């Protein structure tokens, strides 16, 4: 038996946010399927925790545009 191969972990697709205790250096990353679900989770935790929105990840990489920016671009074109 040989050593098992080590591959880098793939990031899940979805909307990411980090929830941490106030004043802490690290926290827990939450992944939600939709933008609305991410914002609902952020609103739920904002009273007692520090919430950092990390944005959308697709195919293991961060997507630069947010859904709000996409909607604004579409409305300007129309």
N, C-alpha and C. Protein backbone atom coordinates (compact mmCIF):
# COMPACT_ATOMS: atom_id res chain seq x y z
N UNK A 1 0.84 -1.18 0.00
CA UNK A 1 0.00 0.00 0.00
C UNK A 1 0.88 1.24 0.00
N UNK A 2 0.48 2.18 -0.84
CA UNK A 2 1.22 3.44 -0.92
C UNK A 2 0.50 4.55 -0.18
N UNK A 3 1.11 5.66 -0.23
CA UNK A 3 0.52 6.83 0.40
C UNK A 3 -0.68 7.29 -0.44
N UNK A 4 -1.80 7.65 0.21
CA UNK A 4 -2.96 8.10 -0.57
C UNK A 4 -2.70 9.47 -1.22
N UNK A 5 -3.26 9.69 -2.41
CA UNK A 5 -3.02 10.97 -3.06
C UNK A 5 -3.70 12.12 -2.30
N UNK A 6 -3.06 13.25 -2.33
CA UNK A 6 -3.61 14.43 -1.67
C UNK A 6 -4.01 15.42 -2.75
N UNK A 7 -5.30 15.68 -2.87
CA UNK A 7 -5.80 16.64 -3.83
C UNK A 7 -6.33 17.86 -3.09
N UNK A 8 -6.21 19.01 -3.69
CA UNK A 8 -6.79 20.19 -3.03
C UNK A 8 -8.31 20.07 -2.96
N UNK A 9 -8.89 20.56 -1.87
CA UNK A 9 -10.33 20.49 -1.72
C UNK A 9 -11.00 21.47 -2.67
N UNK A 10 -12.12 21.04 -3.25
CA UNK A 10 -12.87 21.90 -4.14
C UNK A 10 -13.88 22.69 -3.33
N UNK A 11 -14.03 23.96 -3.65
CA UNK A 11 -15.01 24.79 -2.96
C UNK A 11 -16.39 24.51 -3.53
N UNK A 12 -17.37 24.43 -2.66
CA UNK A 12 -18.74 24.18 -3.09
C UNK A 12 -19.32 25.42 -3.75
N UNK A 13 -20.22 25.19 -4.70
CA UNK A 13 -20.91 26.29 -5.35
C UNK A 13 -21.97 26.84 -4.42
N UNK A 14 -22.15 28.15 -4.44
CA UNK A 14 -23.17 28.79 -3.64
C UNK A 14 -22.71 30.13 -3.12
N UNK A 15 -23.49 30.69 -2.23
CA UNK A 15 -23.20 31.99 -1.64
C UNK A 15 -22.61 31.76 -0.26
N UNK A 16 -21.44 32.35 -0.01
CA UNK A 16 -20.68 32.11 1.21
C UNK A 16 -20.75 33.30 2.14
N UNK A 17 -20.85 33.02 3.44
CA UNK A 17 -20.70 34.05 4.46
C UNK A 17 -20.01 33.44 5.66
N UNK A 18 -19.27 34.28 6.36
CA UNK A 18 -18.55 33.83 7.54
C UNK A 18 -19.20 34.45 8.77
N UNK A 19 -19.46 33.61 9.77
CA UNK A 19 -20.06 34.05 11.03
C UNK A 19 -19.04 33.79 12.13
N UNK A 20 -18.72 34.85 12.89
CA UNK A 20 -17.74 34.69 13.97
C UNK A 20 -18.21 35.45 15.20
N UNK A 21 -17.72 35.04 16.35
CA UNK A 21 -18.02 35.77 17.58
C UNK A 21 -17.39 37.14 17.50
N UNK A 22 -18.02 38.10 18.16
CA UNK A 22 -17.51 39.47 18.11
C UNK A 22 -16.10 39.54 18.69
N UNK A 23 -15.18 40.09 17.91
CA UNK A 23 -13.79 40.20 18.34
C UNK A 23 -12.93 39.00 18.03
N UNK A 24 -13.49 37.94 17.47
CA UNK A 24 -12.72 36.73 17.17
C UNK A 24 -11.98 36.89 15.84
N UNK A 25 -10.92 36.08 15.66
CA UNK A 25 -10.14 36.13 14.43
C UNK A 25 -10.66 35.20 13.35
N UNK A 26 -11.34 34.13 13.74
CA UNK A 26 -11.85 33.19 12.75
C UNK A 26 -13.26 32.78 13.15
N UNK A 27 -13.97 32.21 12.20
CA UNK A 27 -15.34 31.81 12.47
C UNK A 27 -15.74 30.61 11.65
N UNK A 28 -17.03 30.47 11.43
CA UNK A 28 -17.59 29.35 10.68
C UNK A 28 -18.12 29.87 9.35
N UNK A 29 -17.82 29.15 8.28
CA UNK A 29 -18.30 29.53 6.96
C UNK A 29 -19.61 28.82 6.69
N UNK A 30 -20.62 29.60 6.30
CA UNK A 30 -21.92 29.05 5.94
C UNK A 30 -22.10 29.20 4.43
N UNK A 31 -22.67 28.17 3.80
CA UNK A 31 -22.90 28.19 2.36
C UNK A 31 -24.40 28.06 2.13
N UNK A 32 -24.95 28.96 1.33
CA UNK A 32 -26.37 28.95 1.00
C UNK A 32 -26.53 28.87 -0.51
N UNK A 33 -27.65 28.30 -0.95
CA UNK A 33 -27.87 28.11 -2.38
C UNK A 33 -28.27 29.39 -3.12
N UNK A 34 -28.99 30.28 -2.46
CA UNK A 34 -29.46 31.49 -3.11
C UNK A 34 -28.99 32.73 -2.36
N UNK A 35 -29.02 33.85 -3.07
CA UNK A 35 -28.64 35.13 -2.48
C UNK A 35 -29.59 35.49 -1.34
N UNK A 36 -30.89 35.25 -1.56
CA UNK A 36 -31.88 35.58 -0.54
C UNK A 36 -31.67 34.77 0.73
N UNK A 37 -31.34 33.48 0.59
CA UNK A 37 -31.09 32.63 1.75
C UNK A 37 -29.84 33.10 2.50
N UNK A 38 -28.82 33.55 1.76
CA UNK A 38 -27.61 34.06 2.40
C UNK A 38 -27.92 35.32 3.19
N UNK A 39 -28.70 36.23 2.61
CA UNK A 39 -29.04 37.47 3.30
C UNK A 39 -29.93 37.21 4.52
N UNK A 40 -30.79 36.21 4.44
CA UNK A 40 -31.63 35.86 5.58
C UNK A 40 -30.77 35.33 6.72
N UNK A 41 -29.78 34.48 6.41
CA UNK A 41 -28.88 33.96 7.43
C UNK A 41 -28.04 35.09 8.03
N UNK A 42 -27.59 36.03 7.21
CA UNK A 42 -26.81 37.16 7.71
C UNK A 42 -27.64 38.02 8.66
N UNK A 43 -28.88 38.24 8.30
CA UNK A 43 -29.76 39.04 9.16
C UNK A 43 -30.02 38.33 10.49
N UNK A 44 -30.14 37.01 10.44
CA UNK A 44 -30.42 36.23 11.65
C UNK A 44 -29.25 36.31 12.64
N UNK A 45 -28.01 36.30 12.15
CA UNK A 45 -26.84 36.27 13.02
C UNK A 45 -26.29 37.64 13.37
N UNK A 46 -26.70 38.70 12.69
CA UNK A 46 -26.04 40.00 12.85
C UNK A 46 -26.19 40.60 14.24
N UNK A 47 -27.20 40.22 15.02
CA UNK A 47 -27.38 40.80 16.35
C UNK A 47 -26.34 40.31 17.35
N UNK A 48 -25.93 39.05 17.24
CA UNK A 48 -25.03 38.48 18.24
C UNK A 48 -23.63 38.16 17.71
N UNK A 49 -23.45 38.14 16.39
CA UNK A 49 -22.17 37.74 15.80
C UNK A 49 -21.71 38.78 14.79
N UNK A 50 -20.44 38.69 14.41
CA UNK A 50 -19.92 39.46 13.29
C UNK A 50 -20.16 38.64 12.03
N UNK A 51 -20.75 39.23 11.02
CA UNK A 51 -21.06 38.53 9.77
C UNK A 51 -20.25 39.17 8.65
N UNK A 52 -19.52 38.33 7.91
CA UNK A 52 -18.73 38.79 6.77
C UNK A 52 -19.25 38.05 5.54
N UNK A 53 -19.75 38.80 4.55
CA UNK A 53 -20.26 38.19 3.33
C UNK A 53 -19.09 37.99 2.38
N UNK A 54 -18.85 36.73 2.02
CA UNK A 54 -17.72 36.38 1.16
C UNK A 54 -18.10 36.35 -0.32
N UNK A 55 -19.39 36.33 -0.63
CA UNK A 55 -19.83 36.38 -2.02
C UNK A 55 -20.14 35.02 -2.59
N UNK A 56 -20.30 35.00 -3.90
CA UNK A 56 -20.69 33.77 -4.60
C UNK A 56 -19.45 33.05 -5.14
N UNK A 57 -19.46 31.72 -4.99
CA UNK A 57 -18.40 30.87 -5.54
C UNK A 57 -19.03 29.91 -6.54
N UNK A 58 -18.40 29.81 -7.71
CA UNK A 58 -18.87 28.89 -8.74
C UNK A 58 -17.66 28.24 -9.38
N UNK A 59 -17.71 26.93 -9.54
CA UNK A 59 -16.61 26.15 -10.13
C UNK A 59 -15.30 26.34 -9.37
N UNK A 60 -15.39 26.45 -8.05
CA UNK A 60 -14.21 26.56 -7.20
C UNK A 60 -13.58 27.93 -7.15
N UNK A 61 -14.19 28.93 -7.81
CA UNK A 61 -13.63 30.29 -7.82
C UNK A 61 -14.69 31.29 -7.42
N UNK A 62 -14.23 32.43 -6.92
CA UNK A 62 -15.15 33.48 -6.51
C UNK A 62 -15.67 34.22 -7.73
N UNK A 63 -16.97 34.47 -7.75
CA UNK A 63 -17.59 35.25 -8.82
C UNK A 63 -17.50 36.71 -8.43
N UNK A 64 -17.03 37.55 -9.33
CA UNK A 64 -16.79 38.95 -8.99
C UNK A 64 -18.07 39.77 -8.84
N UNK A 65 -19.07 39.53 -9.70
CA UNK A 65 -20.30 40.31 -9.64
C UNK A 65 -21.28 39.73 -8.64
N UNK A 66 -21.98 40.59 -7.95
CA UNK A 66 -23.04 40.16 -7.05
C UNK A 66 -24.36 40.17 -7.81
N UNK A 67 -25.37 39.47 -7.34
CA UNK A 67 -26.67 39.47 -8.01
C UNK A 67 -27.27 40.88 -8.13
N UNK A 68 -27.03 41.74 -7.15
CA UNK A 68 -27.54 43.11 -7.22
C UNK A 68 -26.88 43.86 -8.38
N UNK A 69 -25.57 43.67 -8.56
CA UNK A 69 -24.86 44.34 -9.66
C UNK A 69 -25.38 43.85 -11.01
N UNK A 70 -25.66 42.56 -11.12
CA UNK A 70 -26.19 42.01 -12.37
C UNK A 70 -27.57 42.61 -12.66
N UNK A 71 -28.41 42.72 -11.65
CA UNK A 71 -29.75 43.27 -11.83
C UNK A 71 -29.68 44.74 -12.24
N UNK A 72 -28.74 45.48 -11.65
CA UNK A 72 -28.59 46.89 -12.00
C UNK A 72 -28.13 47.06 -13.43
N UNK A 73 -27.22 46.20 -13.90
CA UNK A 73 -26.75 46.27 -15.27
C UNK A 73 -27.88 45.98 -16.25
N UNK A 74 -28.70 44.96 -15.93
CA UNK A 74 -29.82 44.62 -16.80
C UNK A 74 -30.83 45.75 -16.87
N UNK A 75 -31.11 46.41 -15.75
CA UNK A 75 -32.08 47.49 -15.73
C UNK A 75 -31.56 48.72 -16.49
N UNK A 76 -30.26 48.95 -16.47
CA UNK A 76 -29.69 50.09 -17.20
C UNK A 76 -29.77 49.85 -18.72
N UNK A 77 -29.57 48.59 -19.15
CA UNK A 77 -29.62 48.27 -20.56
C UNK A 77 -31.04 48.38 -21.11
N UNK A 78 -32.02 48.05 -20.29
CA UNK A 78 -33.42 48.05 -20.76
C UNK A 78 -34.02 49.43 -20.86
